[in-house]
């Protein structure tokens, strides 16, 4: 895993909980903003699904808004899938 701090733009929030890496996460699709879709870096954001300020802020994030996010990237063997980013802030 690698640490990242980046401004991300929310593309799509998912209502379902995702069970991955042995834990339950709220998830969303976000990108590093770019001038074109071909140059965007896509992330599946994963926020630990435990009630608190971080999860509330994650769920209140509106589509199209940009937010500074820090977390750990989990790389996949499939380049067609977005990278997983486990959110720490």
PDB file of N, CA and C in Angstrom:
ATOM      1  N   UNK A   1       0.836  -1.172   0.000  1.00  0.00           N
ATOM      2  CA  UNK A   1       0.000   0.000   0.000  1.00  0.00           C
ATOM      3  C   UNK A   1       0.884   1.240   0.000  1.00  0.00           C
ATOM      4  N   UNK A   2       0.381   2.289  -0.611  1.00  0.00           N
ATOM      5  CA  UNK A   2       1.094   3.558  -0.690  1.00  0.00           C
ATOM      6  C   UNK A   2       0.199   4.680  -0.210  1.00  0.00           C
ATOM      7  N   UNK A   3       0.775   5.642   0.512  1.00  0.00           N
ATOM      8  CA  UNK A   3       0.044   6.792   1.024  1.00  0.00           C
ATOM      9  C   UNK A   3      -0.190   7.797  -0.092  1.00  0.00           C
ATOM     10  N   UNK A   4      -1.345   8.472  -0.047  1.00  0.00           N
ATOM     11  CA  UNK A   4      -1.659   9.515  -1.018  1.00  0.00           C
ATOM     12  C   UNK A   4      -2.387  10.653  -0.305  1.00  0.00           C
ATOM     13  N   UNK A   5      -2.121  11.861  -0.749  1.00  0.00           N
ATOM     14  CA  UNK A   5      -2.882  13.044  -0.354  1.00  0.00           C
ATOM     15  C   UNK A   5      -3.202  13.747  -1.669  1.00  0.00           C
ATOM     16  N   UNK A   6      -4.487  13.840  -2.001  1.00  0.00           N
ATOM     17  CA  UNK A   6      -4.878  14.393  -3.300  1.00  0.00           C
ATOM     18  C   UNK A   6      -6.261  15.021  -3.223  1.00  0.00           C
ATOM     19  N   UNK A   7      -6.503  15.969  -4.108  1.00  0.00           N
ATOM     20  CA  UNK A   7      -7.835  16.529  -4.267  1.00  0.00           C
ATOM     21  C   UNK A   7      -8.593  15.636  -5.233  1.00  0.00           C
ATOM     22  N   UNK A   8      -9.721  15.110  -4.781  1.00  0.00           N
ATOM     23  CA  UNK A   8     -10.533  14.203  -5.590  1.00  0.00           C
ATOM     24  C   UNK A   8     -11.917  14.794  -5.815  1.00  0.00           C
ATOM     25  N   UNK A   9     -12.478  14.444  -6.956  1.00  0.00           N
ATOM     26  CA  UNK A   9     -13.836  14.864  -7.298  1.00  0.00           C
ATOM     27  C   UNK A   9     -14.745  13.643  -7.250  1.00  0.00           C
ATOM     28  N   UNK A  10     -15.832  13.758  -6.494  1.00  0.00           N
ATOM     29  CA  UNK A  10     -16.769  12.643  -6.370  1.00  0.00           C
ATOM     30  C   UNK A  10     -17.569  12.487  -7.661  1.00  0.00           C
ATOM     31  N   UNK A  11     -17.569  11.283  -8.202  1.00  0.00           N
ATOM     32  CA  UNK A  11     -18.345  10.976  -9.404  1.00  0.00           C
ATOM     33  C   UNK A  11     -19.635  10.244  -9.066  1.00  0.00           C
ATOM     34  N   UNK A  12     -19.562   9.302  -8.112  1.00  0.00           N
ATOM     35  CA  UNK A  12     -20.739   8.495  -7.795  1.00  0.00           C
ATOM     36  C   UNK A  12     -20.585   7.881  -6.408  1.00  0.00           C
ATOM     37  N   UNK A  13     -21.561   8.118  -5.526  1.00  0.00           N
ATOM     38  CA  UNK A  13     -21.569   7.498  -4.200  1.00  0.00           C
ATOM     39  C   UNK A  13     -22.407   6.231  -4.273  1.00  0.00           C
ATOM     40  N   UNK A  14     -21.984   5.199  -3.579  1.00  0.00           N
ATOM     41  CA  UNK A  14     -22.702   3.930  -3.560  1.00  0.00           C
ATOM     42  C   UNK A  14     -23.391   3.765  -2.210  1.00  0.00           C
ATOM     43  N   UNK A  15     -24.640   3.347  -2.222  1.00  0.00           N
ATOM     44  CA  UNK A  15     -25.401   3.187  -0.984  1.00  0.00           C
ATOM     45  C   UNK A  15     -25.056   1.894  -0.266  1.00  0.00           C
ATOM     46  N   UNK A  16     -24.615   0.885  -0.987  1.00  0.00           N
ATOM     47  CA  UNK A  16     -24.347  -0.411  -0.392  1.00  0.00           C
ATOM     48  C   UNK A  16     -23.006  -0.434   0.335  1.00  0.00           C
ATOM     49  N   UNK A  17     -22.936  -1.271   1.368  1.00  0.00           N
ATOM     50  CA  UNK A  17     -21.684  -1.517   2.070  1.00  0.00           C
ATOM     51  C   UNK A  17     -20.899  -2.577   1.306  1.00  0.00           C
ATOM     52  N   UNK A  18     -19.582  -2.379   1.217  1.00  0.00           N
ATOM     53  CA  UNK A  18     -18.700  -3.304   0.522  1.00  0.00           C
ATOM     54  C   UNK A  18     -17.870  -4.035   1.565  1.00  0.00           C
ATOM     55  N   UNK A  19     -17.816  -5.362   1.477  1.00  0.00           N
ATOM     56  CA  UNK A  19     -16.952  -6.139   2.373  1.00  0.00           C
ATOM     57  C   UNK A  19     -15.704  -6.516   1.577  1.00  0.00           C
ATOM     58  N   UNK A  20     -14.583  -5.933   1.959  1.00  0.00           N
ATOM     59  CA  UNK A  20     -13.318  -6.161   1.273  1.00  0.00           C
ATOM     60  C   UNK A  20     -12.189  -5.989   2.294  1.00  0.00           C
ATOM     61  N   UNK A  21     -11.090  -6.700   2.093  1.00  0.00           N
ATOM     62  CA  UNK A  21      -9.930  -6.638   2.983  1.00  0.00           C
ATOM     63  C   UNK A  21     -10.325  -6.989   4.424  1.00  0.00           C
ATOM     64  N   UNK A  22     -11.374  -7.805   4.583  1.00  0.00           N
ATOM     65  CA  UNK A  22     -11.790  -8.279   5.883  1.00  0.00           C
ATOM     66  C   UNK A  22     -12.630  -7.319   6.704  1.00  0.00           C
ATOM     67  N   UNK A  23     -13.018  -6.180   6.131  1.00  0.00           N
ATOM     68  CA  UNK A  23     -13.817  -5.185   6.856  1.00  0.00           C
ATOM     69  C   UNK A  23     -14.969  -4.692   5.987  1.00  0.00           C
ATOM     70  N   UNK A  24     -15.928  -4.000   6.616  1.00  0.00           N
ATOM     71  CA  UNK A  24     -17.045  -3.385   5.894  1.00  0.00           C
ATOM     72  C   UNK A  24     -16.741  -1.915   5.643  1.00  0.00           C
ATOM     73  N   UNK A  25     -16.939  -1.479   4.394  1.00  0.00           N
ATOM     74  CA  UNK A  25     -16.660  -0.096   4.010  1.00  0.00           C
ATOM     75  C   UNK A  25     -17.839   0.505   3.265  1.00  0.00           C
ATOM     76  N   UNK A  26     -18.039   1.828   3.440  1.00  0.00           N
ATOM     77  CA  UNK A  26     -18.889   2.598   2.543  1.00  0.00           C
ATOM     78  C   UNK A  26     -18.003   2.909   1.344  1.00  0.00           C
ATOM     79  N   UNK A  27     -18.579   2.948   0.142  1.00  0.00           N
ATOM     80  CA  UNK A  27     -17.730   3.161  -1.033  1.00  0.00           C
ATOM     81  C   UNK A  27     -18.282   4.253  -1.932  1.00  0.00           C
ATOM     82  N   UNK A  28     -17.402   4.761  -2.773  1.00  0.00           N
ATOM     83  CA  UNK A  28     -17.757   5.786  -3.744  1.00  0.00           C
ATOM     84  C   UNK A  28     -16.730   5.759  -4.869  1.00  0.00           C
ATOM     85  N   UNK A  29     -17.104   6.300  -6.015  1.00  0.00           N
ATOM     86  CA  UNK A  29     -16.190   6.426  -7.147  1.00  0.00           C
ATOM     87  C   UNK A  29     -15.769   7.887  -7.242  1.00  0.00           C
ATOM     88  N   UNK A  30     -14.453   8.129  -7.287  1.00  0.00           N
ATOM     89  CA  UNK A  30     -13.916   9.483  -7.394  1.00  0.00           C
ATOM     90  C   UNK A  30     -12.755   9.488  -8.374  1.00  0.00           C
ATOM     91  N   UNK A  31     -12.394  10.688  -8.829  1.00  0.00           N
ATOM     92  CA  UNK A  31     -11.281  10.836  -9.768  1.00  0.00           C
ATOM     93  C   UNK A  31     -10.402  12.000  -9.343  1.00  0.00           C
ATOM     94  N   UNK A  32      -9.148  11.946  -9.778  1.00  0.00           N
ATOM     95  CA  UNK A  32      -8.286  13.117  -9.705  1.00  0.00           C
ATOM     96  C   UNK A  32      -8.713  13.988 -10.878  1.00  0.00           C
ATOM     97  N   UNK A  33      -9.180  15.212 -10.625  1.00  0.00           N
ATOM     98  CA  UNK A  33      -9.682  16.051 -11.716  1.00  0.00           C
ATOM     99  C   UNK A  33      -8.633  16.251 -12.815  1.00  0.00           C
ATOM    100  N   UNK A  34      -9.113  16.212 -14.063  1.00  0.00           N
ATOM    101  CA  UNK A  34      -8.231  16.374 -15.223  1.00  0.00           C
ATOM    102  C   UNK A  34      -9.011  17.072 -16.335  1.00  0.00           C
ATOM    103  N   UNK A  35      -8.313  17.404 -17.412  1.00  0.00           N
ATOM    104  CA  UNK A  35      -8.942  18.090 -18.534  1.00  0.00           C
ATOM    105  C   UNK A  35      -9.753  17.173 -19.432  1.00  0.00           C
ATOM    106  N   UNK A  36      -9.606  15.900 -19.283  1.00  0.00           N
ATOM    107  CA  UNK A  36     -10.356  14.961 -20.107  1.00  0.00           C
ATOM    108  C   UNK A  36     -10.479  13.623 -19.411  1.00  0.00           C
ATOM    109  N   UNK A  37     -11.521  12.870 -19.770  1.00  0.00           N
ATOM    110  CA  UNK A  37     -11.760  11.580 -19.129  1.00  0.00           C
ATOM    111  C   UNK A  37     -10.600  10.609 -19.347  1.00  0.00           C
ATOM    112  N   UNK A  38      -9.897  10.744 -20.471  1.00  0.00           N
ATOM    113  CA  UNK A  38      -8.802   9.829 -20.777  1.00  0.00           C
ATOM    114  C   UNK A  38      -7.625  10.021 -19.817  1.00  0.00           C
ATOM    115  N   UNK A  39      -7.497  11.207 -19.218  1.00  0.00           N
ATOM    116  CA  UNK A  39      -6.364  11.460 -18.329  1.00  0.00           C
ATOM    117  C   UNK A  39      -6.745  11.409 -16.854  1.00  0.00           C
ATOM    118  N   UNK A  40      -7.989  11.069 -16.538  1.00  0.00           N
ATOM    119  CA  UNK A  40      -8.416  10.963 -15.151  1.00  0.00           C
ATOM    120  C   UNK A  40      -7.867   9.690 -14.505  1.00  0.00           C
ATOM    121  N   UNK A  41      -7.531   9.790 -13.236  1.00  0.00           N
ATOM    122  CA  UNK A  41      -7.159   8.622 -12.445  1.00  0.00           C
ATOM    123  C   UNK A  41      -8.369   8.292 -11.579  1.00  0.00           C
ATOM    124  N   UNK A  42      -8.897   7.065 -11.723  1.00  0.00           N
ATOM    125  CA  UNK A  42     -10.120   6.674 -11.014  1.00  0.00           C
ATOM    126  C   UNK A  42      -9.780   5.918  -9.730  1.00  0.00           C
ATOM    127  N   UNK A  43     -10.571   6.198  -8.698  1.00  0.00           N
ATOM    128  CA  UNK A  43     -10.423   5.525  -7.412  1.00  0.00           C
ATOM    129  C   UNK A  43     -11.767   5.019  -6.927  1.00  0.00           C
ATOM    130  N   UNK A  44     -11.748   3.837  -6.313  1.00  0.00           N
ATOM    131  CA  UNK A  44     -12.896   3.392  -5.528  1.00  0.00           C
ATOM    132  C   UNK A  44     -12.526   3.738  -4.096  1.00  0.00           C
ATOM    133  N   UNK A  45     -13.203   4.757  -3.558  1.00  0.00           N
ATOM    134  CA  UNK A  45     -12.929   5.181  -2.195  1.00  0.00           C
ATOM    135  C   UNK A  45     -13.606   4.241  -1.221  1.00  0.00           C
ATOM    136  N   UNK A  46     -12.889   3.882  -0.169  1.00  0.00           N
ATOM    137  CA  UNK A  46     -13.418   3.003   0.859  1.00  0.00           C
ATOM    138  C   UNK A  46     -13.258   3.689   2.206  1.00  0.00           C
ATOM    139  N   UNK A  47     -14.387   3.919   2.887  1.00  0.00           N
ATOM    140  CA  UNK A  47     -14.388   4.555   4.200  1.00  0.00           C
ATOM    141  C   UNK A  47     -14.931   3.539   5.199  1.00  0.00           C
ATOM    142  N   UNK A  48     -14.172   3.251   6.265  1.00  0.00           N
ATOM    143  CA  UNK A  48     -14.580   2.261   7.248  1.00  0.00           C
ATOM    144  C   UNK A  48     -15.998   2.563   7.718  1.00  0.00           C
ATOM    145  N   UNK A  49     -16.858   1.555   7.671  1.00  0.00           N
ATOM    146  CA  UNK A  49     -18.279   1.725   7.938  1.00  0.00           C
ATOM    147  C   UNK A  49     -18.566   1.657   9.439  1.00  0.00           C
ATOM    148  N   UNK A  50     -18.156   2.690  10.144  1.00  0.00           N
ATOM    149  CA  UNK A  50     -18.435   2.832  11.570  1.00  0.00           C
ATOM    150  C   UNK A  50     -18.928   4.255  11.795  1.00  0.00           C
ATOM    151  N   UNK A  51     -20.073   4.381  12.474  1.00  0.00           N
ATOM    152  CA  UNK A  51     -20.657   5.698  12.701  1.00  0.00           C
ATOM    153  C   UNK A  51     -19.662   6.628  13.377  1.00  0.00           C
ATOM    154  N   UNK A  52     -19.605   7.846  12.868  1.00  0.00           N
ATOM    155  CA  UNK A  52     -18.704   8.851  13.404  1.00  0.00           C
ATOM    156  C   UNK A  52     -18.596  10.004  12.425  1.00  0.00           C
ATOM    157  N   UNK A  53     -17.775  10.982  12.790  1.00  0.00           N
ATOM    158  CA  UNK A  53     -17.638  12.198  11.977  1.00  0.00           C
ATOM    159  C   UNK A  53     -17.090  11.911  10.584  1.00  0.00           C
ATOM    160  N   UNK A  54     -16.123  10.999  10.480  1.00  0.00           N
ATOM    161  CA  UNK A  54     -15.523  10.703   9.173  1.00  0.00           C
ATOM    162  C   UNK A  54     -16.539  10.070   8.229  1.00  0.00           C
ATOM    163  N   UNK A  55     -17.297   9.099   8.713  1.00  0.00           N
ATOM    164  CA  UNK A  55     -18.302   8.443   7.870  1.00  0.00           C
ATOM    165  C   UNK A  55     -19.421   9.415   7.502  1.00  0.00           C
ATOM    166  N   UNK A  56     -19.826  10.258   8.423  1.00  0.00           N
ATOM    167  CA  UNK A  56     -20.864  11.255   8.142  1.00  0.00           C
ATOM    168  C   UNK A  56     -20.398  12.213   7.047  1.00  0.00           C
ATOM    169  N   UNK A  57     -19.170  12.708   7.152  1.00  0.00           N
ATOM    170  CA  UNK A  57     -18.635  13.608   6.121  1.00  0.00           C
ATOM    171  C   UNK A  57     -18.523  12.893   4.782  1.00  0.00           C
ATOM    172  N   UNK A  58     -18.111  11.640   4.794  1.00  0.00           N
ATOM    173  CA  UNK A  58     -17.988  10.847   3.562  1.00  0.00           C
ATOM    174  C   UNK A  58     -19.347  10.715   2.882  1.00  0.00           C
ATOM    175  N   UNK A  59     -20.376  10.408   3.659  1.00  0.00           N
ATOM    176  CA  UNK A  59     -21.723  10.241   3.100  1.00  0.00           C
ATOM    177  C   UNK A  59     -22.346  11.558   2.649  1.00  0.00           C
ATOM    178  N   UNK A  60     -21.953  12.673   3.268  1.00  0.00           N
ATOM    179  CA  UNK A  60     -22.501  13.988   2.915  1.00  0.00           C
ATOM    180  C   UNK A  60     -21.806  14.628   1.715  1.00  0.00           C
ATOM    181  N   UNK A  61     -20.733  14.026   1.227  1.00  0.00           N
ATOM    182  CA  UNK A  61     -19.980  14.547   0.088  1.00  0.00           C
ATOM    183  C   UNK A  61     -20.886  14.518  -1.134  1.00  0.00           C
ATOM    184  N   UNK A  62     -21.060  15.659  -1.772  1.00  0.00           N
ATOM    185  CA  UNK A  62     -21.964  15.796  -2.922  1.00  0.00           C
ATOM    186  C   UNK A  62     -21.227  15.533  -4.234  1.00  0.00           C
ATOM    187  N   UNK A  63     -21.944  14.891  -5.145  1.00  0.00           N
ATOM    188  CA  UNK A  63     -21.386  14.575  -6.457  1.00  0.00           C
ATOM    189  C   UNK A  63     -20.924  15.859  -7.152  1.00  0.00           C
ATOM    190  N   UNK A  64     -19.729  15.819  -7.718  1.00  0.00           N
ATOM    191  CA  UNK A  64     -19.158  16.960  -8.426  1.00  0.00           C
ATOM    192  C   UNK A  64     -18.277  17.842  -7.549  1.00  0.00           C
ATOM    193  N   UNK A  65     -18.395  17.732  -6.221  1.00  0.00           N
ATOM    194  CA  UNK A  65     -17.563  18.524  -5.315  1.00  0.00           C
ATOM    195  C   UNK A  65     -16.177  17.906  -5.186  1.00  0.00           C
ATOM    196  N   UNK A  66     -15.209  18.780  -4.918  1.00  0.00           N
ATOM    197  CA  UNK A  66     -13.822  18.339  -4.744  1.00  0.00           C
ATOM    198  C   UNK A  66     -13.415  18.464  -3.284  1.00  0.00           C
ATOM    199  N   UNK A  67     -12.667  17.471  -2.808  1.00  0.00           N
ATOM    200  CA  UNK A  67     -12.247  17.413  -1.411  1.00  0.00           C
ATOM    201  C   UNK A  67     -10.817  16.885  -1.344  1.00  0.00           C
ATOM    202  N   UNK A  68     -10.033  17.413  -0.405  1.00  0.00           N
ATOM    203  CA  UNK A  68      -8.705  16.880  -0.150  1.00  0.00           C
ATOM    204  C   UNK A  68      -8.857  15.600   0.671  1.00  0.00           C
ATOM    205  N   UNK A  69      -8.310  14.507   0.167  1.00  0.00           N
ATOM    206  CA  UNK A  69      -8.436  13.200   0.796  1.00  0.00           C
ATOM    207  C   UNK A  69      -7.044  12.628   1.022  1.00  0.00           C
ATOM    208  N   UNK A  70      -6.861  11.975   2.159  1.00  0.00           N
ATOM    209  CA  UNK A  70      -5.636  11.207   2.394  1.00  0.00           C
ATOM    210  C   UNK A  70      -6.026   9.762   2.634  1.00  0.00           C
ATOM    211  N   UNK A  71      -5.122   8.871   2.298  1.00  0.00           N
ATOM    212  CA  UNK A  71      -5.405   7.460   2.501  1.00  0.00           C
ATOM    213  C   UNK A  71      -4.314   6.582   1.940  1.00  0.00           C
ATOM    214  N   UNK A  72      -4.621   5.307   1.866  1.00  0.00           N
ATOM    215  CA  UNK A  72      -3.681   4.308   1.349  1.00  0.00           C
ATOM    216  C   UNK A  72      -4.247   3.661   0.090  1.00  0.00           C
ATOM    217  N   UNK A  73      -3.437   3.611  -0.958  1.00  0.00           N
ATOM    218  CA  UNK A  73      -3.837   3.000  -2.217  1.00  0.00           C
ATOM    219  C   UNK A  73      -3.512   1.513  -2.172  1.00  0.00           C
ATOM    220  N   UNK A  74      -4.478   0.711  -2.604  1.00  0.00           N
ATOM    221  CA  UNK A  74      -4.270  -0.727  -2.756  1.00  0.00           C
ATOM    222  C   UNK A  74      -4.295  -1.005  -4.256  1.00  0.00           C
ATOM    223  N   UNK A  75      -3.185  -1.463  -4.802  1.00  0.00           N
ATOM    224  CA  UNK A  75      -3.073  -1.682  -6.237  1.00  0.00           C
ATOM    225  C   UNK A  75      -3.706  -3.006  -6.637  1.00  0.00           C
ATOM    226  N   UNK A  76      -4.311  -3.014  -7.812  1.00  0.00           N
ATOM    227  CA  UNK A  76      -4.982  -4.191  -8.346  1.00  0.00           C
ATOM    228  C   UNK A  76      -4.184  -4.740  -9.528  1.00  0.00           C
ATOM    229  N   UNK A  77      -4.409  -6.021  -9.822  1.00  0.00           N
ATOM    230  CA  UNK A  77      -3.785  -6.624 -10.998  1.00  0.00           C
ATOM    231  C   UNK A  77      -4.543  -6.289 -12.272  1.00  0.00           C
ATOM    232  N   UNK A  78      -5.756  -5.757 -12.134  1.00  0.00           N
ATOM    233  CA  UNK A  78      -6.606  -5.448 -13.284  1.00  0.00           C
ATOM    234  C   UNK A  78      -6.559  -3.950 -13.580  1.00  0.00           C
ATOM    235  N   UNK A  79      -5.859  -3.532 -14.657  1.00  0.00           N
ATOM    236  CA  UNK A  79      -5.741  -2.105 -14.961  1.00  0.00           C
ATOM    237  C   UNK A  79      -7.057  -1.459 -15.401  1.00  0.00           C
ATOM    238  N   UNK A  80      -8.081  -2.252 -15.704  1.00  0.00           N
ATOM    239  CA  UNK A  80      -9.371  -1.701 -16.107  1.00  0.00           C
ATOM    240  C   UNK A  80     -10.197  -1.230 -14.906  1.00  0.00           C
ATOM    241  N   UNK A  81      -9.862  -1.725 -13.726  1.00  0.00           N
ATOM    242  CA  UNK A  81     -10.611  -1.367 -12.522  1.00  0.00           C
ATOM    243  C   UNK A  81      -9.973  -0.145 -11.856  1.00  0.00           C
ATOM    244  N   UNK A  82     -10.803   0.657 -11.150  1.00  0.00           N
ATOM    245  CA  UNK A  82     -10.216   1.787 -10.410  1.00  0.00           C
ATOM    246  C   UNK A  82      -9.364   1.279  -9.254  1.00  0.00           C
ATOM    247  N   UNK A  83      -8.403   2.083  -8.842  1.00  0.00           N
ATOM    248  CA  UNK A  83      -7.578   1.737  -7.700  1.00  0.00           C
ATOM    249  C   UNK A  83      -8.402   1.879  -6.429  1.00  0.00           C
ATOM    250  N   UNK A  84      -8.192   1.009  -5.449  1.00  0.00           N
ATOM    251  CA  UNK A  84      -8.851   1.156  -4.155  1.00  0.00           C
ATOM    252  C   UNK A  84      -8.062   2.150  -3.327  1.00  0.00           C
ATOM    253  N   UNK A  85      -8.792   3.079  -2.690  1.00  0.00           N
ATOM    254  CA  UNK A  85      -8.165   4.055  -1.802  1.00  0.00           C
ATOM    255  C   UNK A  85      -8.904   3.968  -0.467  1.00  0.00           C
ATOM    256  N   UNK A  86      -8.214   3.484   0.548  1.00  0.00           N
ATOM    257  CA  UNK A  86      -8.795   3.398   1.887  1.00  0.00           C
ATOM    258  C   UNK A  86      -8.582   4.748   2.563  1.00  0.00           C
ATOM    259  N   UNK A  87      -9.669   5.460   2.790  1.00  0.00           N
ATOM    260  CA  UNK A  87      -9.627   6.843   3.283  1.00  0.00           C
ATOM    261  C   UNK A  87      -9.231   6.880   4.753  1.00  0.00           C
ATOM    262  N   UNK A  88      -8.271   7.776   5.073  1.00  0.00           N
ATOM    263  CA  UNK A  88      -7.905   7.974   6.478  1.00  0.00           C
ATOM    264  C   UNK A  88      -8.420   9.311   7.007  1.00  0.00           C
ATOM    265  N   UNK A  89      -8.676  10.293   6.127  1.00  0.00           N
ATOM    266  CA  UNK A  89      -9.269  11.568   6.566  1.00  0.00           C
ATOM    267  C   UNK A  89     -10.444  11.915   5.692  1.00  0.00           C
TER     268      UNK A  89
END
